[in-house]
């Protein structure tokens, strides 16, 4: 039920970390646990053994990820994009998947556009379809990777509004974002990454108001004036 945000300069490892969680990237050591279960690998003494692809697929199905690019199928309507995983991965009947898609598209404000194709939607609307598609799968964890970075500025607020509503509803979220005001408002915990390492972490007010790390102070200096300082 928490929202944890990863912040840091480009190249600091934020996206790589997200991609390791759902095994789009291989991690070289350590463990990533979801509900206490090791993701991708299990430790046998000092040896890491990769799980079977069947188990990895089942683990991935417990997570949702929303990317910078919307990655919608252009030949499918908004509703069909949301339904695809419900039918193909979860094996739900088409009628049930249709109802679920309609519900979540309504929740993200696109109920009247469920039969539109991606080319008929704005960038912000396409990203909201992508969010609905991820949430419809009822993931245990939802990953957001710079989901507003490809949007025109006037479209950012509508997507952040959907994310904030999900956070308020108790969705467990791990997000990467450069929208610092949003990060401060929505997060329970903030992690500042620097060159692949955790340089500072804590409550938003501690990280933003009391940066102890010089690299964090320099990073936040780029957003001077946002926090009334």
Protein backbone atom coordinates (compact mmCIF):
# COMPACT_ATOMS: atom_id res chain seq x y z
CA UNK A 1 0.00 0.00 0.00
CA UNK A 2 2.98 2.35 -0.06
CA UNK A 3 4.29 4.62 -2.80
CA UNK A 4 8.08 4.59 -3.07
CA UNK A 5 9.75 6.98 -5.48
CA UNK A 6 13.20 6.70 -7.03
CA UNK A 7 14.87 9.99 -7.91
CA UNK A 8 18.28 10.83 -9.31
CA UNK A 9 20.11 12.08 -12.36
CA UNK A 10 19.84 10.34 -15.71
CA UNK A 11 22.07 7.27 -15.71
CA UNK A 12 21.92 6.74 -11.95
CA UNK A 13 20.27 3.32 -12.29
CA UNK A 14 16.58 4.05 -11.67
CA UNK A 15 15.15 2.42 -14.80
CA UNK A 16 17.64 -0.44 -14.62
CA UNK A 17 16.44 -1.17 -11.10
CA UNK A 18 12.80 -1.24 -12.19
CA UNK A 19 13.66 -3.54 -15.08
CA UNK A 20 15.52 -5.89 -12.73
CA UNK A 21 12.42 -6.22 -10.58
CA UNK A 22 10.38 -7.71 -13.43
CA UNK A 23 13.39 -9.39 -15.06
CA UNK A 24 13.56 -7.27 -18.18
CA UNK A 25 17.19 -6.95 -17.01
CA UNK A 26 19.26 -9.60 -15.24
CA UNK A 27 20.59 -8.72 -11.80
CA UNK A 28 24.03 -10.06 -11.01
CA UNK A 29 23.67 -10.64 -7.30
CA UNK A 30 21.49 -10.26 -4.25
CA UNK A 31 17.79 -10.96 -4.01
CA UNK A 32 14.62 -9.18 -5.03
CA UNK A 33 11.62 -10.34 -3.02
CA UNK A 34 7.91 -9.89 -3.77
CA UNK A 35 5.63 -11.01 -0.94
CA UNK A 36 8.64 -12.85 0.46
CA UNK A 37 9.26 -14.82 -2.73
CA UNK A 38 12.61 -14.38 -4.53
CA UNK A 39 12.12 -12.98 -8.04
CA UNK A 40 13.84 -14.72 -10.95
CA UNK A 41 16.33 -16.69 -8.88
CA UNK A 42 16.59 -18.74 -5.74
CA UNK A 43 19.66 -19.09 -3.58
CA UNK A 44 21.06 -22.58 -2.97
CA UNK A 45 23.86 -21.92 -0.52
CA UNK A 46 26.15 -19.48 -2.32
CA UNK A 47 24.75 -20.33 -5.75
CA UNK A 48 21.98 -18.45 -7.53
CA UNK A 49 19.78 -20.65 -9.67
CA UNK A 50 17.46 -19.12 -12.26
CA UNK A 51 13.84 -20.15 -11.94
CA UNK A 52 12.00 -21.80 -14.80
CA UNK A 53 10.42 -19.55 -17.42
CA UNK A 54 7.00 -20.78 -16.28
CA UNK A 55 7.67 -19.54 -12.74
CA UNK A 56 9.18 -16.29 -13.99
CA UNK A 57 6.12 -15.66 -16.18
CA UNK A 58 3.88 -16.25 -13.16
CA UNK A 59 5.94 -13.77 -11.14
CA UNK A 60 5.78 -11.16 -13.87
CA UNK A 61 2.00 -11.55 -13.91
CA UNK A 62 1.93 -10.32 -10.30
CA UNK A 63 3.49 -7.03 -11.37
CA UNK A 64 2.39 -4.28 -13.72
CA UNK A 65 4.68 -1.84 -15.48
CA UNK A 66 3.90 1.41 -17.25
CA UNK A 67 6.66 2.66 -19.54
CA UNK A 68 7.78 6.04 -20.88
CA UNK A 69 6.34 5.07 -24.25
CA UNK A 70 2.78 3.84 -24.17
CA UNK A 71 3.42 0.56 -26.00
CA UNK A 72 -0.21 0.16 -27.03
CA UNK A 73 -1.08 -2.17 -29.89
CA UNK A 74 -2.11 0.21 -32.70
CA UNK A 75 -4.56 -2.24 -34.30
CA UNK A 76 -6.53 -2.70 -31.05
CA UNK A 77 -9.01 -0.32 -29.46
CA UNK A 78 -8.42 1.07 -25.98
CA UNK A 79 -10.70 -1.60 -24.53
CA UNK A 80 -9.03 -4.38 -26.52
CA UNK A 81 -5.60 -3.24 -25.33
CA UNK A 82 -6.78 -3.54 -21.72
CA UNK A 83 -8.54 -6.87 -22.34
CA UNK A 84 -5.61 -8.59 -24.02
CA UNK A 85 -3.71 -9.59 -20.88
CA UNK A 86 -6.89 -10.47 -19.03
CA UNK A 87 -7.84 -12.98 -21.73
CA UNK A 88 -4.43 -14.25 -22.89
CA UNK A 89 -2.58 -14.30 -19.54
CA UNK A 90 -5.29 -14.70 -16.92
CA UNK A 91 -7.66 -16.75 -19.08
CA UNK A 92 -10.74 -14.69 -18.26
CA UNK A 93 -13.84 -15.03 -20.45
CA UNK A 94 -14.20 -12.24 -22.98
CA UNK A 95 -17.38 -10.91 -21.38
CA UNK A 96 -15.69 -10.59 -17.97
CA UNK A 97 -12.61 -8.99 -19.52
CA UNK A 98 -14.85 -6.51 -21.32
CA UNK A 99 -16.49 -5.49 -18.04
CA UNK A 100 -13.13 -5.10 -16.30
CA UNK A 101 -11.73 -3.02 -19.17
CA UNK A 102 -14.80 -0.77 -19.15
CA UNK A 103 -14.48 -0.29 -15.39
CA UNK A 104 -10.83 0.74 -15.45
CA UNK A 105 -11.10 2.89 -18.54
CA UNK A 106 -13.92 4.66 -16.73
CA UNK A 107 -11.71 5.08 -13.67
CA UNK A 108 -9.03 6.81 -15.75
CA UNK A 109 -11.62 9.04 -17.43
CA UNK A 110 -11.78 7.28 -20.79
CA UNK A 111 -15.05 5.41 -20.55
CA UNK A 112 -16.44 7.21 -23.58
CA UNK A 113 -13.30 6.49 -25.63
CA UNK A 114 -13.00 2.77 -25.02
CA UNK A 115 -13.68 1.99 -28.69
CA UNK A 116 -11.09 4.47 -29.98
CA UNK A 117 -7.82 3.31 -31.50
CA UNK A 118 -4.52 4.73 -30.19
CA UNK A 119 -4.12 7.09 -33.15
CA UNK A 120 -7.43 8.67 -32.18
CA UNK A 121 -6.19 9.46 -28.66
CA UNK A 122 -3.84 12.12 -27.34
CA UNK A 123 -0.56 11.14 -25.70
CA UNK A 124 -2.03 11.66 -22.26
CA UNK A 125 -5.04 9.52 -23.11
CA UNK A 126 -2.82 6.76 -24.49
CA UNK A 127 -0.79 6.77 -21.29
CA UNK A 128 -3.98 6.53 -19.26
CA UNK A 129 -4.98 3.48 -21.32
CA UNK A 130 -1.57 1.98 -20.52
CA UNK A 131 -2.17 2.61 -16.82
CA UNK A 132 -5.64 1.04 -17.02
CA UNK A 133 -4.15 -1.97 -18.80
CA UNK A 134 -1.61 -2.46 -16.01
CA UNK A 135 -4.03 -1.96 -13.12
CA UNK A 136 -6.72 -4.18 -14.66
CA UNK A 137 -4.44 -7.18 -14.08
CA UNK A 138 -4.69 -6.53 -10.31
CA UNK A 139 -0.94 -6.53 -9.75
CA UNK A 140 0.62 -6.79 -6.32
CA UNK A 141 3.09 -4.12 -7.39
CA UNK A 142 2.81 -1.40 -10.02
CA UNK A 143 5.99 0.03 -11.57
CA UNK A 144 6.01 3.44 -13.26
CA UNK A 145 9.03 4.42 -15.36
CA UNK A 146 9.03 8.16 -16.19
CA UNK A 147 5.50 7.85 -17.51
CA UNK A 148 5.14 11.58 -18.18
CA UNK A 149 8.48 12.18 -19.89
CA UNK A 150 7.13 11.64 -23.42
CA UNK A 151 4.11 13.90 -22.89
CA UNK A 152 3.57 17.53 -23.74
CA UNK A 153 3.55 19.63 -20.54
CA UNK A 154 -0.19 20.31 -20.70
CA UNK A 155 -0.90 16.55 -20.69
CA UNK A 156 1.26 15.71 -17.68
CA UNK A 157 -1.29 16.77 -15.05
CA UNK A 158 -4.00 14.41 -16.29
CA UNK A 159 -1.69 11.40 -16.01
CA UNK A 160 -0.35 12.43 -12.61
CA UNK A 161 -3.95 12.82 -11.44
CA UNK A 162 -4.69 9.20 -12.32
CA UNK A 163 -1.55 8.05 -10.52
CA UNK A 164 -2.46 10.07 -7.44
CA UNK A 165 -5.94 8.52 -7.37
CA UNK A 166 -4.37 5.04 -7.50
CA UNK A 167 -2.02 5.95 -4.65
CA UNK A 168 -4.92 7.22 -2.55
CA UNK A 169 -6.76 3.96 -3.23
CA UNK A 170 -3.87 2.02 -1.68
CA UNK A 171 -2.10 0.65 -4.76
CA UNK A 172 1.47 -0.45 -4.02
CA UNK A 173 3.61 1.62 -6.38
CA UNK A 174 7.29 2.05 -7.18
CA UNK A 175 7.84 5.01 -9.44
CA UNK A 176 10.65 6.79 -11.22
CA UNK A 177 9.89 10.42 -11.92
CA UNK A 178 11.44 13.85 -12.39
CA UNK A 179 8.17 15.49 -11.34
CA UNK A 180 9.52 16.50 -7.95
CA UNK A 181 6.42 18.22 -6.59
CA UNK A 182 4.38 15.13 -7.43
CA UNK A 183 6.99 12.85 -5.86
CA UNK A 184 6.94 14.87 -2.66
CA UNK A 185 3.16 14.92 -2.47
CA UNK A 186 2.36 11.31 -3.31
CA UNK A 187 5.29 9.33 -1.83
CA UNK A 188 5.57 7.59 1.51
CA UNK A 189 9.29 7.00 0.96
CA UNK A 190 11.85 8.54 -1.41
CA UNK A 191 15.14 6.97 -2.52
CA UNK A 192 17.90 9.04 -4.13
CA UNK A 193 20.12 6.93 -6.38
CA UNK A 194 23.60 8.04 -7.42
CA UNK A 195 25.69 5.88 -9.77
CA UNK A 196 23.70 2.78 -8.94
CA UNK A 197 23.86 3.24 -5.17
CA UNK A 198 21.39 4.47 -2.58
CA UNK A 199 22.88 7.79 -1.50
CA UNK A 200 20.00 8.88 0.74
CA UNK A 201 16.49 7.71 1.50
CA UNK A 202 13.70 8.56 3.86
CA UNK A 203 10.42 10.41 4.19
CA UNK A 204 9.82 13.01 1.46
CA UNK A 205 10.16 15.91 3.88
CA UNK A 206 13.52 14.59 5.10
CA UNK A 207 14.94 13.98 1.63
CA UNK A 208 13.74 17.28 0.15
CA UNK A 209 14.13 19.58 3.16
CA UNK A 210 17.22 18.06 4.78
CA UNK A 211 19.46 16.62 2.04
CA UNK A 212 22.53 15.17 3.78
CA UNK A 213 24.29 14.05 0.62
CA UNK A 214 26.17 16.58 -1.52
CA UNK A 215 25.07 14.92 -4.76
CA UNK A 216 21.45 15.09 -3.58
CA UNK A 217 21.81 18.78 -2.74
CA UNK A 218 23.22 19.40 -6.21
CA UNK A 219 20.42 17.38 -7.83
CA UNK A 220 17.68 19.23 -5.95
CA UNK A 221 19.35 22.52 -6.83
CA UNK A 222 18.09 22.02 -10.39
CA UNK A 223 14.57 22.38 -9.04
CA UNK A 224 15.32 25.49 -7.02
CA UNK A 225 12.17 27.37 -6.10
CA UNK A 226 9.81 24.38 -6.33
CA UNK A 227 9.80 23.75 -2.61
CA UNK A 228 9.58 27.31 -1.37
CA UNK A 229 13.25 27.47 -0.41
